[in-house]
Amino acid sequence: MKYRSVGNSGLKVSEIALGSWMTQLTSADQEKVAADTVRAALDAGINFFDCADAYSGGEAERFLGKALKDVPRGEYVVSSKVFFPTGRDVNQRGLSRKHIRENIDRTLKNMGVDYIDLYYCHRFDTTTPMEETLRALSDLVTEGKILYYGVSEEWSAARLTEAEKVIDRYNLHPLTSLQPQYNMLDRYIEHEIMQVCGKYGIGITPFSPLAQGVLTGKYRKGEPYPEGSRATFQADRQVNNLLTDENLDKVEELRKVADELGCSMPCLALAWILAQPNISCVITGASRPEQVTKNAEAAEVAIPADAMARIEAILGFTRFERHVG
């Protein structure tokens, strides 16, 4: 495993991280598999575990704290997030100072730790002044309840730029990380956001690197969805919207590149992200130990320049630019 700094900070995280979004905890058997998956991640050298207060109504935080309780605190990095409702009251949601302060205490209790390494705003709150949110987060850093803070994909390039102005105006602790959705099929951050992150030293820790499983190569055009795959059960159907003929044709061509490089399709997709600017790590999901072990192999894959050129030709991405005259 290799490690990178998160933006301009001194925090080092494994290039492959393990997320908790898809962790299933509804039975004792599922919880055992999830615990084995965390152990497999540790064995692979993964030190960064991403979570959120909204995952499974707080159960994901409690599970992760229990799974890591015997690991020395200095040997792993854990993140959580704040925004979504944690109760029925109007103040039990959003990014107000009140909700942030109450929720960090809830998260610390859930995980059984004294501090969170990296604390994210899970969304952007249009009802709370940005100054209030950033000052509350900076205060938590000062108090030692969190060590660094970051924001989500809903913080656009303009919002990130405004945040940097607020941070400079009040001499706040820096914004360290952005967690957007980013993969070969969804490259919107390359239009503006990636450049803003580079300018201000904000590390990018993307999620959904395999495009809801489309980039694993298990979905084939003209064939039924694999039994038990996300496309057969996911309630919000996000993956189904990605399963277009155009995307499946691209994946078929990408499979050929992966085969020639002697790596799996998922490893190619993860290694491609790690080769992009300002990427600190890739947050992967895994429902079984063998999946996280295979994902970790991506840290050892170096994509040659000629293969990278072929990939770009297959993807056909064009950064938005408007020229007049």
Protein backbone atom coordinates (compact mmCIF):
# COMPACT_ATOMS: atom_id res chain seq x y z
CA MET A 1 0.00 0.00 0.00
CA LYS A 2 1.11 3.55 -0.71
CA TYR A 3 0.17 6.67 1.25
CA ARG A 4 -0.47 10.29 0.31
CA SER A 5 -0.99 13.56 2.13
CA VAL A 6 -4.52 14.96 2.17
CA GLY A 7 -4.07 18.22 0.30
CA ASN A 8 -1.53 20.51 1.89
CA SER A 9 -1.99 18.90 5.31
CA GLY A 10 0.39 16.52 7.04
CA LEU A 11 -2.31 13.83 7.32
CA LYS A 12 -1.28 10.65 5.47
CA VAL A 13 -3.91 8.26 4.15
CA SER A 14 -3.73 5.05 2.16
CA GLU A 15 -4.33 5.48 -1.55
CA ILE A 16 -7.23 3.06 -1.22
CA ALA A 17 -9.71 3.79 1.57
CA LEU A 18 -12.72 1.81 2.79
CA GLY A 19 -16.13 3.46 2.90
CA SER A 20 -19.18 2.45 4.95
CA TRP A 21 -22.04 3.61 2.72
CA MET A 22 -22.99 0.12 1.51
CA THR A 23 -22.16 -1.75 4.73
CA GLN A 24 -25.00 -4.12 5.57
CA LEU A 25 -25.66 -4.58 9.32
CA THR A 26 -29.14 -6.03 9.54
CA SER A 27 -28.06 -9.47 10.78
CA ALA A 28 -25.31 -11.05 12.85
CA ASP A 29 -23.94 -12.78 9.75
CA GLN A 30 -23.75 -9.49 7.83
CA GLU A 31 -22.03 -7.79 10.74
CA LYS A 32 -19.42 -10.56 10.87
CA VAL A 33 -18.73 -10.19 7.14
CA ALA A 34 -18.41 -6.42 7.59
CA ALA A 35 -15.97 -6.90 10.48
CA ASP A 36 -13.93 -9.36 8.41
CA THR A 37 -13.88 -6.77 5.61
CA VAL A 38 -12.46 -4.12 7.95
CA ARG A 39 -9.81 -6.60 9.11
CA ALA A 40 -8.93 -7.41 5.47
CA ALA A 41 -8.53 -3.68 4.83
CA LEU A 42 -6.15 -3.32 7.76
CA ASP A 43 -4.20 -6.36 6.58
CA ALA A 44 -3.88 -4.75 3.12
CA GLY A 45 -2.38 -1.60 4.65
CA ILE A 46 -5.53 0.52 4.40
CA ASN A 47 -5.56 3.09 7.20
CA PHE A 48 -8.46 5.36 6.16
CA PHE A 49 -12.06 4.43 7.01
CA ASP A 50 -14.84 6.74 5.85
CA CYS A 51 -18.22 6.89 7.59
CA ALA A 52 -21.16 9.25 8.21
CA ASP A 53 -23.76 9.87 10.89
CA ALA A 54 -26.50 9.24 8.33
CA TYR A 55 -25.36 5.75 7.39
CA SER A 56 -27.79 3.22 8.87
CA GLY A 57 -29.06 5.83 11.34
CA GLY A 58 -25.80 5.88 13.29
CA GLU A 59 -25.32 2.10 13.28
CA ALA A 60 -22.46 2.36 10.77
CA GLU A 61 -20.55 4.65 13.13
CA ARG A 62 -21.16 2.33 16.08
CA PHE A 63 -20.09 -0.70 14.05
CA LEU A 64 -16.91 0.97 12.78
CA GLY A 65 -15.94 2.08 16.27
CA LYS A 66 -16.40 -1.48 17.53
CA ALA A 67 -14.49 -2.97 14.58
CA LEU A 68 -11.51 -0.68 15.21
CA LYS A 69 -11.54 -0.61 19.01
CA ASP A 70 -8.53 -2.93 19.37
CA VAL A 71 -6.45 -1.02 16.81
CA PRO A 72 -4.16 1.64 18.34
CA ARG A 73 -5.80 5.02 17.67
CA GLY A 74 -2.68 6.42 16.04
CA GLU A 75 -2.70 3.69 13.41
CA TYR A 76 -5.89 4.57 11.56
CA VAL A 77 -7.68 7.60 10.15
CA VAL A 78 -11.44 7.83 10.46
CA SER A 79 -13.87 10.32 8.98
CA SER A 80 -17.53 11.10 9.48
CA LYS A 81 -20.01 13.63 8.14
CA VAL A 82 -22.73 16.00 9.24
CA PHE A 83 -25.82 17.42 7.52
CA PHE A 84 -28.67 14.94 7.27
CA PRO A 85 -31.42 14.73 9.94
CA THR A 86 -30.58 12.88 13.14
CA GLY A 87 -33.97 13.54 14.71
CA ARG A 88 -37.35 15.11 14.03
CA ASP A 89 -36.60 18.59 15.36
CA VAL A 90 -35.96 21.40 12.88
CA ASN A 91 -32.51 21.99 14.39
CA GLN A 92 -31.42 18.36 14.13
CA ARG A 93 -30.20 18.76 10.56
CA GLY A 94 -28.12 21.02 8.35
CA LEU A 95 -24.86 22.84 9.03
CA SER A 96 -25.79 25.25 11.80
CA ARG A 97 -23.38 25.69 14.70
CA LYS A 98 -25.96 24.01 16.95
CA HIS A 99 -26.32 20.89 14.81
CA ILE A 100 -22.58 20.59 14.12
CA ARG A 101 -21.66 20.80 17.80
CA GLU A 102 -24.36 18.40 18.91
CA ASN A 103 -23.63 15.97 16.13
CA ILE A 104 -19.89 15.75 16.64
CA ASP A 105 -20.54 14.71 20.24
CA ARG A 106 -22.99 12.07 18.99
CA THR A 107 -20.46 10.78 16.46
CA LEU A 108 -17.65 10.62 19.03
CA LYS A 109 -19.91 8.64 21.35
CA ASN A 110 -21.02 6.32 18.54
CA MET A 111 -17.45 5.53 17.54
CA GLY A 112 -16.04 5.47 21.05
CA VAL A 113 -13.17 7.80 20.19
CA ASP A 114 -11.87 11.10 21.52
CA TYR A 115 -11.52 12.78 18.14
CA ILE A 116 -12.41 12.39 14.46
CA ASP A 117 -9.53 12.80 12.03
CA LEU A 118 -11.54 14.25 9.15
CA TYR A 119 -15.05 15.70 9.47
CA TYR A 120 -17.05 16.45 6.30
CA CYS A 121 -20.06 18.59 5.51
CA HIS A 122 -22.19 15.90 3.85
CA ARG A 123 -24.01 18.44 1.69
CA PHE A 124 -24.24 22.23 1.29
CA ASP A 125 -26.72 24.00 3.55
CA THR A 126 -28.45 26.89 1.77
CA THR A 127 -30.23 27.92 5.00
CA THR A 128 -27.09 28.55 7.09
CA PRO A 129 -24.48 31.28 6.42
CA MET A 130 -21.25 29.73 5.21
CA GLU A 131 -19.37 31.81 7.80
CA GLU A 132 -21.32 30.14 10.62
CA THR A 133 -20.55 26.64 9.33
CA LEU A 134 -16.83 27.23 8.74
CA ARG A 135 -16.29 28.97 12.07
CA ALA A 136 -18.04 26.12 13.90
CA LEU A 137 -15.82 23.55 12.16
CA SER A 138 -12.67 25.58 12.82
CA ASP A 139 -13.63 25.82 16.50
CA LEU A 140 -13.89 22.03 16.66
CA VAL A 141 -10.34 21.79 15.32
CA THR A 142 -9.16 24.22 18.00
CA GLU A 143 -10.90 22.13 20.66
CA GLY A 144 -9.37 18.90 19.33
CA LYS A 145 -12.68 17.18 18.63
CA ILE A 146 -11.74 17.00 14.96
CA LEU A 147 -8.29 17.36 13.41
CA TYR A 148 -9.26 18.42 9.87
CA TYR A 149 -12.46 19.25 8.04
CA GLY A 150 -13.75 18.92 4.50
CA VAL A 151 -16.81 19.37 2.32
CA SER A 152 -18.83 17.39 -0.22
CA GLU A 153 -19.55 17.48 -3.94
CA GLU A 154 -22.34 20.03 -3.52
CA TRP A 155 -19.67 22.62 -2.73
CA SER A 156 -19.10 23.95 -6.24
CA ALA A 157 -15.99 25.79 -7.45
CA ALA A 158 -17.67 29.09 -6.61
CA ARG A 159 -18.60 27.90 -3.11
CA LEU A 160 -15.09 26.57 -2.48
CA THR A 161 -13.64 29.91 -3.56
CA GLU A 162 -16.02 31.78 -1.26
CA ALA A 163 -15.12 29.41 1.58
CA GLU A 164 -11.45 30.22 1.12
CA LYS A 165 -12.26 33.93 1.39
CA VAL A 166 -14.12 33.36 4.66
CA ILE A 167 -11.27 31.24 6.02
CA ASP A 168 -8.75 33.93 5.13
CA ARG A 169 -10.91 36.74 6.53
CA TYR A 170 -11.27 35.12 9.96
CA ASN A 171 -7.94 33.27 10.01
CA LEU A 172 -9.69 29.93 10.42
CA HIS A 173 -8.16 26.48 10.29
CA PRO A 174 -7.90 25.45 6.61
CA LEU A 175 -10.37 23.47 4.58
CA THR A 176 -8.44 20.27 3.95
CA SER A 177 -10.49 17.97 1.74
CA LEU A 178 -13.28 17.65 -0.81
CA GLN A 179 -15.23 14.38 -1.17
CA PRO A 180 -16.97 14.32 -4.58
CA GLN A 181 -18.30 11.55 -6.75
CA TYR A 182 -15.66 10.94 -9.41
CA ASN A 183 -14.92 8.13 -11.81
CA MET A 184 -14.22 7.43 -15.48
CA LEU A 185 -17.88 7.98 -16.37
CA ASP A 186 -18.49 11.03 -14.16
CA ARG A 187 -15.76 13.66 -14.51
CA TYR A 188 -17.64 16.86 -13.69
CA ILE A 189 -15.00 17.99 -11.16
CA GLU A 190 -12.52 18.38 -14.02
CA HIS A 191 -14.48 21.31 -15.42
CA GLU A 192 -13.57 23.70 -12.57
CA ILE A 193 -13.48 22.07 -9.14
CA MET A 194 -10.23 20.14 -9.56
CA GLN A 195 -8.37 23.31 -10.50
CA VAL A 196 -9.75 25.22 -7.49
CA CYS A 197 -8.68 22.38 -5.20
CA GLY A 198 -5.17 22.53 -6.66
CA LYS A 199 -4.99 26.29 -6.15
CA TYR A 200 -5.92 26.10 -2.46
CA GLY A 201 -4.25 22.82 -1.56
CA ILE A 202 -7.51 20.93 -0.98
CA GLY A 203 -7.10 17.16 -1.25
CA ILE A 204 -9.70 15.23 -3.24
CA THR A 205 -10.99 11.97 -1.71
CA PRO A 206 -13.58 10.74 -4.23
CA PHE A 207 -16.30 8.17 -3.66
CA SER A 208 -18.16 5.93 -6.15
CA PRO A 209 -14.93 5.26 -8.10
CA LEU A 210 -16.47 2.26 -9.87
CA ALA A 211 -19.63 4.14 -10.94
CA GLN A 212 -21.99 2.08 -8.77
CA GLY A 213 -20.33 -1.10 -10.07
CA VAL A 214 -20.60 -0.35 -13.79
CA LEU A 215 -16.81 -0.08 -14.04
CA THR A 216 -16.29 -3.54 -12.56
CA GLY A 217 -17.18 -4.98 -15.96
CA LYS A 218 -19.79 -7.34 -14.55
CA TYR A 219 -22.61 -5.71 -16.52
CA ARG A 220 -22.57 -6.66 -20.23
CA LYS A 221 -24.69 -5.23 -23.00
CA GLY A 222 -27.54 -7.54 -23.98
CA GLU A 223 -27.09 -9.77 -20.95
CA PRO A 224 -29.24 -10.01 -17.77
CA TYR A 225 -27.98 -8.20 -14.70
CA PRO A 226 -25.93 -10.54 -12.48
CA GLU A 227 -27.97 -12.05 -9.67
CA GLY A 228 -27.51 -10.09 -6.44
CA SER A 229 -25.85 -7.13 -8.18
CA ARG A 230 -26.72 -3.59 -7.18
CA ALA A 231 -28.83 -3.09 -10.31
CA THR A 232 -31.21 -5.77 -9.07
CA PHE A 233 -31.94 -4.33 -5.64
CA GLN A 234 -30.74 -0.73 -5.13
CA ALA A 235 -33.76 1.31 -4.07
CA ASP A 236 -32.77 4.63 -5.68
CA ARG A 237 -31.80 2.93 -8.98
CA GLN A 238 -28.73 5.15 -9.46
CA VAL A 239 -26.79 2.35 -11.09
CA ASN A 240 -29.58 1.63 -13.57
CA ASN A 241 -29.32 5.17 -14.93
CA LEU A 242 -25.66 4.50 -15.72
CA LEU A 243 -26.29 1.25 -17.55
CA THR A 244 -26.63 2.80 -21.00
CA ASP A 245 -25.41 1.18 -24.19
CA GLU A 246 -22.87 4.00 -24.57
CA ASN A 247 -21.37 3.37 -21.13
CA LEU A 248 -21.35 -0.40 -21.56
CA ASP A 249 -19.57 -0.01 -24.90
CA LYS A 250 -16.91 2.11 -23.19
CA VAL A 251 -16.46 -0.45 -20.43
CA GLU A 252 -16.04 -3.21 -23.01
CA GLU A 253 -13.19 -1.26 -24.63
CA LEU A 254 -11.66 -0.46 -21.26
CA ARG A 255 -11.68 -4.17 -20.41
CA LYS A 256 -9.33 -4.74 -23.32
CA VAL A 257 -6.90 -2.16 -21.94
CA ALA A 258 -7.06 -3.80 -18.51
CA ASP A 259 -6.42 -7.23 -20.00
CA GLU A 260 -3.38 -5.96 -21.89
CA LEU A 261 -1.99 -4.42 -18.69
CA GLY A 262 -2.62 -7.64 -16.78
CA CYS A 263 -4.96 -6.09 -14.22
CA SER A 264 -8.66 -6.30 -13.44
CA MET A 265 -11.18 -3.76 -14.70
CA PRO A 266 -11.80 -2.41 -11.17
CA CYS A 267 -8.06 -1.99 -10.59
CA LEU A 268 -7.74 -0.07 -13.86
CA ALA A 269 -10.61 2.26 -12.88
CA LEU A 270 -9.11 2.92 -9.44
CA ALA A 271 -5.56 3.37 -10.75
CA TRP A 272 -6.86 5.84 -13.35
CA ILE A 273 -8.30 8.03 -10.59
CA LEU A 274 -5.08 7.86 -8.59
CA ALA A 275 -3.21 9.16 -11.64
CA GLN A 276 -5.30 12.37 -11.74
CA PRO A 277 -4.21 15.70 -10.15
CA ASN A 278 -4.84 16.49 -6.48
CA ILE A 279 -6.21 13.02 -5.63
CA SER A 280 -5.37 12.02 -2.05
CA CYS A 281 -7.09 8.62 -2.04
CA VAL A 282 -10.01 6.70 -3.49
CA ILE A 283 -12.88 5.70 -1.18
CA THR A 284 -14.05 2.24 -2.19
CA GLY A 285 -16.96 0.14 -1.06
CA ALA A 286 -16.67 -3.56 -0.33
CA SER A 287 -19.27 -6.04 0.86
CA ARG A 288 -16.81 -8.92 1.24
CA PRO A 289 -13.18 -9.21 2.40
CA GLU A 290 -11.95 -10.44 -0.99
CA GLN A 291 -13.30 -7.30 -2.65
CA VAL A 292 -11.29 -4.94 -0.48
CA THR A 293 -8.18 -7.08 -0.96
CA LYS A 294 -8.54 -6.86 -4.75
CA ASN A 295 -9.26 -3.11 -4.63
CA ALA A 296 -6.07 -2.59 -2.65
CA GLU A 297 -4.09 -4.02 -5.56
CA ALA A 298 -4.86 -0.85 -7.55
CA ALA A 299 -2.26 1.03 -5.50
CA GLU A 300 0.38 -1.05 -7.29
CA VAL A 301 -0.93 -0.41 -10.82
CA ALA A 302 0.89 2.22 -12.90
CA ILE A 303 -0.84 3.03 -16.20
CA PRO A 304 1.68 3.71 -19.01
CA ALA A 305 1.31 6.90 -21.05
CA ASP A 306 0.20 5.07 -24.21
CA ALA A 307 -2.48 3.16 -22.29
CA MET A 308 -3.64 6.39 -20.65
CA ALA A 309 -4.00 7.96 -24.10
CA ARG A 310 -6.13 5.01 -25.23
CA ILE A 311 -8.30 5.34 -22.15
CA GLU A 312 -8.88 9.02 -22.81
CA ALA A 313 -9.81 8.28 -26.42
CA ILE A 314 -12.33 5.66 -25.24
CA LEU A 315 -13.87 7.96 -22.64
CA GLY A 316 -14.11 10.94 -24.99
CA PHE A 317 -14.29 13.49 -22.20
CA THR A 318 -14.02 17.20 -23.08
CA ARG A 319 -13.59 19.81 -20.41
CA PHE A 320 -16.14 22.61 -20.78
CA GLU A 321 -14.69 25.83 -22.13
CA ARG A 322 -16.56 28.63 -23.90
CA HIS A 323 -14.67 30.70 -26.41
CA VAL A 324 -16.04 33.88 -27.98
CA GLY A 325 -14.70 35.15 -31.30
